[in-house]
Amino acid sequence: MKYFLGTANVDAITRFKALGKLDGGTTNPTIIVREGRDFDSLLEESWTIVHRFGSAVVTGRTREEVIE
């Protein structure tokens, strides 16, 4: 079984990683907005802790919007 934490809270990610049971994470724009941080920097910091995310949802209706 794999455990993925659904949050963008770096403190929570760090605590769960320390338990030795965290395999990755998932997040979305709503969760990131609640943290009040920049999307890119928050994902980068989270990735550094967990080393992989199951998903990071983006918003956009066109290819260009999704890439941006």
PDB file of N, CA and C in Angstrom:
ATOM      1  N   MET A   1       0.843  -1.173   0.000  1.00  0.00           N
ATOM      2  CA  MET A   1       0.000   0.000   0.000  1.00  0.00           C
ATOM      3  C   MET A   1       0.890   1.238   0.000  1.00  0.00           C
ATOM      4  N   LYS A   2       0.483   2.230  -0.759  1.00  0.00           N
ATOM      5  CA  LYS A   2       1.198   3.506  -0.830  1.00  0.00           C
ATOM      6  C   LYS A   2       0.346   4.574  -0.140  1.00  0.00           C
ATOM      7  N   TYR A   3       1.007   5.492   0.538  1.00  0.00           N
ATOM      8  CA  TYR A   3       0.322   6.579   1.233  1.00  0.00           C
ATOM      9  C   TYR A   3       0.673   7.906   0.576  1.00  0.00           C
ATOM     10  N   PHE A   4      -0.363   8.625   0.133  1.00  0.00           N
ATOM     11  CA  PHE A   4      -0.210   9.937  -0.486  1.00  0.00           C
ATOM     12  C   PHE A   4      -1.001  10.948   0.338  1.00  0.00           C
ATOM     13  N   LEU A   5      -0.352  12.016   0.748  1.00  0.00           N
ATOM     14  CA  LEU A   5      -0.969  13.043   1.567  1.00  0.00           C
ATOM     15  C   LEU A   5      -1.558  14.128   0.673  1.00  0.00           C
ATOM     16  N   GLY A   6      -2.827  14.467   0.876  1.00  0.00           N
ATOM     17  CA  GLY A   6      -3.503  15.490   0.089  1.00  0.00           C
ATOM     18  C   GLY A   6      -3.438  16.843   0.768  1.00  0.00           C
ATOM     19  N   THR A   7      -2.328  17.538   0.589  1.00  0.00           N
ATOM     20  CA  THR A   7      -2.139  18.840   1.217  1.00  0.00           C
ATOM     21  C   THR A   7      -1.068  19.621   0.468  1.00  0.00           C
ATOM     22  N   ALA A   8      -0.959  20.899   0.782  1.00  0.00           N
ATOM     23  CA  ALA A   8       0.138  21.726   0.298  1.00  0.00           C
ATOM     24  C   ALA A   8       0.840  22.370   1.487  1.00  0.00           C
ATOM     25  N   ASN A   9       0.524  21.887   2.682  1.00  0.00           N
ATOM     26  CA  ASN A   9       1.123  22.412   3.894  1.00  0.00           C
ATOM     27  C   ASN A   9       2.470  21.731   4.126  1.00  0.00           C
ATOM     28  N   VAL A  10       3.539  22.491   3.980  1.00  0.00           N
ATOM     29  CA  VAL A  10       4.897  21.947   4.065  1.00  0.00           C
ATOM     30  C   VAL A  10       5.167  21.364   5.445  1.00  0.00           C
ATOM     31  N   ASP A  11       4.661  21.976   6.501  1.00  0.00           N
ATOM     32  CA  ASP A  11       4.865  21.434   7.849  1.00  0.00           C
ATOM     33  C   ASP A  11       4.213  20.057   7.981  1.00  0.00           C
ATOM     34  N   ALA A  12       3.011  19.905   7.461  1.00  0.00           N
ATOM     35  CA  ALA A  12       2.318  18.614   7.518  1.00  0.00           C
ATOM     36  C   ALA A  12       3.067  17.572   6.696  1.00  0.00           C
ATOM     37  N   ILE A  13       3.536  17.956   5.523  1.00  0.00           N
ATOM     38  CA  ILE A  13       4.284  17.035   4.673  1.00  0.00           C
ATOM     39  C   ILE A  13       5.547  16.570   5.397  1.00  0.00           C
ATOM     40  N   THR A  14       6.237  17.487   6.028  1.00  0.00           N
ATOM     41  CA  THR A  14       7.459  17.162   6.760  1.00  0.00           C
ATOM     42  C   THR A  14       7.165  16.210   7.921  1.00  0.00           C
ATOM     43  N   ARG A  15       6.098  16.483   8.686  1.00  0.00           N
ATOM     44  CA  ARG A  15       5.735  15.624   9.823  1.00  0.00           C
ATOM     45  C   ARG A  15       5.395  14.210   9.370  1.00  0.00           C
ATOM     46  N   PHE A  16       4.574  14.095   8.320  1.00  0.00           N
ATOM     47  CA  PHE A  16       4.181  12.762   7.843  1.00  0.00           C
ATOM     48  C   PHE A  16       5.362  12.023   7.219  1.00  0.00           C
ATOM     49  N   LYS A  17       6.235  12.729   6.553  1.00  0.00           N
ATOM     50  CA  LYS A  17       7.424  12.099   5.970  1.00  0.00           C
ATOM     51  C   LYS A  17       8.297  11.516   7.084  1.00  0.00           C
ATOM     52  N   ALA A  18       8.407  12.226   8.197  1.00  0.00           N
ATOM     53  CA  ALA A  18       9.214  11.767   9.329  1.00  0.00           C
ATOM     54  C   ALA A  18       8.674  10.466   9.929  1.00  0.00           C
ATOM     55  N   LEU A  19       7.395  10.194   9.758  1.00  0.00           N
ATOM     56  CA  LEU A  19       6.812   8.944  10.258  1.00  0.00           C
ATOM     57  C   LEU A  19       7.234   7.743   9.427  1.00  0.00           C
ATOM     58  N   GLY A  20       7.781   8.007   8.251  1.00  0.00           N
ATOM     59  CA  GLY A  20       8.268   6.936   7.403  1.00  0.00           C
ATOM     60  C   GLY A  20       7.209   6.245   6.570  1.00  0.00           C
ATOM     61  N   LYS A  21       6.030   6.795   6.501  1.00  0.00           N
ATOM     62  CA  LYS A  21       4.936   6.144   5.774  1.00  0.00           C
ATOM     63  C   LYS A  21       4.471   6.926   4.549  1.00  0.00           C
ATOM     64  N   LEU A  22       5.070   8.056   4.271  1.00  0.00           N
ATOM     65  CA  LEU A  22       4.593   8.919   3.196  1.00  0.00           C
ATOM     66  C   LEU A  22       5.315   8.600   1.890  1.00  0.00           C
ATOM     67  N   ASP A  23       4.539   8.183   0.879  1.00  0.00           N
ATOM     68  CA  ASP A  23       5.108   7.829  -0.419  1.00  0.00           C
ATOM     69  C   ASP A  23       5.011   8.954  -1.439  1.00  0.00           C
ATOM     70  N   GLY A  24       4.157   9.925  -1.202  1.00  0.00           N
ATOM     71  CA  GLY A  24       3.988  11.019  -2.147  1.00  0.00           C
ATOM     72  C   GLY A  24       2.863  11.923  -1.701  1.00  0.00           C
ATOM     73  N   GLY A  25       2.445  12.787  -2.603  1.00  0.00           N
ATOM     74  CA  GLY A  25       1.392  13.723  -2.257  1.00  0.00           C
ATOM     75  C   GLY A  25       0.526  14.063  -3.444  1.00  0.00           C
ATOM     76  N   THR A  26      -0.559  14.706  -3.159  1.00  0.00           N
ATOM     77  CA  THR A  26      -1.449  15.237  -4.182  1.00  0.00           C
ATOM     78  C   THR A  26      -1.866  16.628  -3.746  1.00  0.00           C
ATOM     79  N   THR A  27      -2.138  17.480  -4.707  1.00  0.00           N
ATOM     80  CA  THR A  27      -2.611  18.811  -4.370  1.00  0.00           C
ATOM     81  C   THR A  27      -3.358  19.389  -5.558  1.00  0.00           C
ATOM     82  N   ASN A  28      -3.969  20.524  -5.324  1.00  0.00           N
ATOM     83  CA  ASN A  28      -4.696  21.219  -6.381  1.00  0.00           C
ATOM     84  C   ASN A  28      -4.660  22.708  -6.093  1.00  0.00           C
ATOM     85  N   PRO A  29      -5.082  23.544  -7.052  1.00  0.00           N
ATOM     86  CA  PRO A  29      -4.997  24.998  -6.860  1.00  0.00           C
ATOM     87  C   PRO A  29      -5.734  25.505  -5.620  1.00  0.00           C
ATOM     88  N   THR A  30      -6.871  24.932  -5.278  1.00  0.00           N
ATOM     89  CA  THR A  30      -7.614  25.379  -4.093  1.00  0.00           C
ATOM     90  C   THR A  30      -6.808  25.157  -2.828  1.00  0.00           C
ATOM     91  N   ILE A  31      -6.204  23.984  -2.705  1.00  0.00           N
ATOM     92  CA  ILE A  31      -5.391  23.680  -1.528  1.00  0.00           C
ATOM     93  C   ILE A  31      -4.184  24.613  -1.467  1.00  0.00           C
ATOM     94  N   ILE A  32      -3.562  24.875  -2.586  1.00  0.00           N
ATOM     95  CA  ILE A  32      -2.387  25.758  -2.614  1.00  0.00           C
ATOM     96  C   ILE A  32      -2.768  27.193  -2.259  1.00  0.00           C
ATOM     97  N   VAL A  33      -3.898  27.673  -2.766  1.00  0.00           N
ATOM     98  CA  VAL A  33      -4.354  29.030  -2.436  1.00  0.00           C
ATOM     99  C   VAL A  33      -4.550  29.181  -0.930  1.00  0.00           C
ATOM    100  N   ARG A  34      -5.058  28.164  -0.285  1.00  0.00           N
ATOM    101  CA  ARG A  34      -5.266  28.204   1.177  1.00  0.00           C
ATOM    102  C   ARG A  34      -3.959  28.403   1.930  1.00  0.00           C
ATOM    103  N   GLU A  35      -2.844  27.971   1.336  1.00  0.00           N
ATOM    104  CA  GLU A  35      -1.537  28.132   1.976  1.00  0.00           C
ATOM    105  C   GLU A  35      -0.974  29.531   1.776  1.00  0.00           C
ATOM    106  N   GLY A  36      -1.532  30.282   0.806  1.00  0.00           N
ATOM    107  CA  GLY A  36      -1.079  31.654   0.577  1.00  0.00           C
ATOM    108  C   GLY A  36       0.330  31.747   0.014  1.00  0.00           C
ATOM    109  N   ARG A  37       0.722  30.751  -0.779  1.00  0.00           N
ATOM    110  CA  ARG A  37       2.069  30.728  -1.335  1.00  0.00           C
ATOM    111  C   ARG A  37       2.024  30.596  -2.841  1.00  0.00           C
ATOM    112  N   ASP A  38       3.138  30.889  -3.472  1.00  0.00           N
ATOM    113  CA  ASP A  38       3.290  30.752  -4.909  1.00  0.00           C
ATOM    114  C   ASP A  38       3.239  29.273  -5.292  1.00  0.00           C
ATOM    115  N   PHE A  39       2.457  28.940  -6.316  1.00  0.00           N
ATOM    116  CA  PHE A  39       2.251  27.563  -6.761  1.00  0.00           C
ATOM    117  C   PHE A  39       3.570  26.849  -7.049  1.00  0.00           C
ATOM    118  N   ASP A  40       4.416  27.457  -7.879  1.00  0.00           N
ATOM    119  CA  ASP A  40       5.663  26.813  -8.293  1.00  0.00           C
ATOM    120  C   ASP A  40       6.616  26.577  -7.133  1.00  0.00           C
ATOM    121  N   SER A  41       6.809  27.582  -6.290  1.00  0.00           N
ATOM    122  CA  SER A  41       7.757  27.422  -5.186  1.00  0.00           C
ATOM    123  C   SER A  41       7.248  26.424  -4.156  1.00  0.00           C
ATOM    124  N   LEU A  42       5.949  26.411  -3.933  1.00  0.00           N
ATOM    125  CA  LEU A  42       5.366  25.468  -2.986  1.00  0.00           C
ATOM    126  C   LEU A  42       5.506  24.029  -3.479  1.00  0.00           C
ATOM    127  N   LEU A  43       5.235  23.800  -4.762  1.00  0.00           N
ATOM    128  CA  LEU A  43       5.400  22.455  -5.317  1.00  0.00           C
ATOM    129  C   LEU A  43       6.863  22.023  -5.276  1.00  0.00           C
ATOM    130  N   GLU A  44       7.756  22.933  -5.604  1.00  0.00           N
ATOM    131  CA  GLU A  44       9.183  22.597  -5.594  1.00  0.00           C
ATOM    132  C   GLU A  44       9.640  22.210  -4.188  1.00  0.00           C
ATOM    133  N   GLU A  45       9.227  22.984  -3.189  1.00  0.00           N
ATOM    134  CA  GLU A  45       9.607  22.675  -1.810  1.00  0.00           C
ATOM    135  C   GLU A  45       9.003  21.341  -1.368  1.00  0.00           C
ATOM    136  N   SER A  46       7.747  21.117  -1.715  1.00  0.00           N
ATOM    137  CA  SER A  46       7.081  19.866  -1.350  1.00  0.00           C
ATOM    138  C   SER A  46       7.761  18.678  -2.018  1.00  0.00           C
ATOM    139  N   TRP A  47       8.114  18.845  -3.275  1.00  0.00           N
ATOM    140  CA  TRP A  47       8.776  17.779  -4.029  1.00  0.00           C
ATOM    141  C   TRP A  47      10.114  17.425  -3.395  1.00  0.00           C
ATOM    142  N   THR A  48      10.815  18.421  -2.878  1.00  0.00           N
ATOM    143  CA  THR A  48      12.102  18.201  -2.222  1.00  0.00           C
ATOM    144  C   THR A  48      11.937  17.307  -0.996  1.00  0.00           C
ATOM    145  N   ILE A  49      10.835  17.468  -0.292  1.00  0.00           N
ATOM    146  CA  ILE A  49      10.584  16.683   0.918  1.00  0.00           C
ATOM    147  C   ILE A  49      10.145  15.265   0.571  1.00  0.00           C
ATOM    148  N   VAL A  50       9.201  15.136  -0.338  1.00  0.00           N
ATOM    149  CA  VAL A  50       8.568  13.851  -0.625  1.00  0.00           C
ATOM    150  C   VAL A  50       9.230  13.123  -1.790  1.00  0.00           C
ATOM    151  N   HIS A  51       9.797  13.838  -2.699  1.00  0.00           N
ATOM    152  CA  HIS A  51      10.456  13.306  -3.896  1.00  0.00           C
ATOM    153  C   HIS A  51       9.492  12.793  -4.957  1.00  0.00           C
ATOM    154  N   ARG A  52       8.213  12.887  -4.731  1.00  0.00           N
ATOM    155  CA  ARG A  52       7.268  12.607  -5.807  1.00  0.00           C
ATOM    156  C   ARG A  52       5.859  12.973  -5.375  1.00  0.00           C
ATOM    157  N   PHE A  53       5.111  13.403  -6.341  1.00  0.00           N
ATOM    158  CA  PHE A  53       3.714  13.732  -6.117  1.00  0.00           C
ATOM    159  C   PHE A  53       2.876  12.875  -7.047  1.00  0.00           C
ATOM    160  N   GLY A  54       1.763  12.373  -6.544  1.00  0.00           N
ATOM    161  CA  GLY A  54       0.857  11.587  -7.364  1.00  0.00           C
ATOM    162  C   GLY A  54       0.159  12.451  -8.380  1.00  0.00           C
ATOM    163  N   SER A  55      -0.174  13.675  -7.966  1.00  0.00           N
ATOM    164  CA  SER A  55      -0.795  14.605  -8.901  1.00  0.00           C
ATOM    165  C   SER A  55      -0.707  16.019  -8.357  1.00  0.00           C
ATOM    166  N   ALA A  56      -0.659  16.941  -9.270  1.00  0.00           N
ATOM    167  CA  ALA A  56      -0.719  18.354  -8.946  1.00  0.00           C
ATOM    168  C   ALA A  56      -1.633  18.959 -10.000  1.00  0.00           C
ATOM    169  N   VAL A  57      -2.870  19.175  -9.639  1.00  0.00           N
ATOM    170  CA  VAL A  57      -3.890  19.648 -10.566  1.00  0.00           C
ATOM    171  C   VAL A  57      -3.631  21.101 -10.932  1.00  0.00           C
ATOM    172  N   VAL A  58      -3.822  21.442 -12.184  1.00  0.00           N
ATOM    173  CA  VAL A  58      -3.687  22.818 -12.641  1.00  0.00           C
ATOM    174  C   VAL A  58      -5.029  23.277 -13.203  1.00  0.00           C
ATOM    175  N   THR A  59      -5.142  24.573 -13.398  1.00  0.00           N
ATOM    176  CA  THR A  59      -6.358  25.117 -14.011  1.00  0.00           C
ATOM    177  C   THR A  59      -6.008  25.644 -15.389  1.00  0.00           C
ATOM    178  N   GLY A  60      -6.953  25.642 -16.245  1.00  0.00           N
ATOM    179  CA  GLY A  60      -6.763  26.153 -17.593  1.00  0.00           C
ATOM    180  C   GLY A  60      -7.649  25.391 -18.560  1.00  0.00           C
ATOM    181  N   ARG A  61      -8.116  26.082 -19.559  1.00  0.00           N
ATOM    182  CA  ARG A  61      -8.998  25.452 -20.534  1.00  0.00           C
ATOM    183  C   ARG A  61      -8.308  25.194 -21.865  1.00  0.00           C
ATOM    184  N   THR A  62      -7.196  25.872 -22.074  1.00  0.00           N
ATOM    185  CA  THR A  62      -6.455  25.671 -23.322  1.00  0.00           C
ATOM    186  C   THR A  62      -5.091  25.071 -22.988  1.00  0.00           C
ATOM    187  N   ARG A  63      -4.442  24.541 -23.993  1.00  0.00           N
ATOM    188  CA  ARG A  63      -3.114  23.966 -23.808  1.00  0.00           C
ATOM    189  C   ARG A  63      -2.150  25.011 -23.228  1.00  0.00           C
ATOM    190  N   GLU A  64      -2.198  26.211 -23.760  1.00  0.00           N
ATOM    191  CA  GLU A  64      -1.312  27.287 -23.329  1.00  0.00           C
ATOM    192  C   GLU A  64      -1.553  27.643 -21.864  1.00  0.00           C
ATOM    193  N   GLU A  65      -2.827  27.717 -21.458  1.00  0.00           N
ATOM    194  CA  GLU A  65      -3.153  28.037 -20.066  1.00  0.00           C
ATOM    195  C   GLU A  65      -2.660  26.954 -19.121  1.00  0.00           C
ATOM    196  N   VAL A  66      -2.802  25.700 -19.492  1.00  0.00           N
ATOM    197  CA  VAL A  66      -2.358  24.607 -18.644  1.00  0.00           C
ATOM    198  C   VAL A  66      -0.847  24.627 -18.506  1.00  0.00           C
ATOM    199  N   ILE A  67      -0.133  24.851 -19.602  1.00  0.00           N
ATOM    200  CA  ILE A  67       1.330  24.893 -19.547  1.00  0.00           C
ATOM    201  C   ILE A  67       1.810  26.076 -18.696  1.00  0.00           C
ATOM    202  N   GLU A  68       1.159  27.227 -18.851  1.00  0.00           N
ATOM    203  CA  GLU A  68       1.540  28.393 -18.053  1.00  0.00           C
ATOM    204  C   GLU A  68       1.296  28.133 -16.593  1.00  0.00           C
TER     205      GLU A  68
END
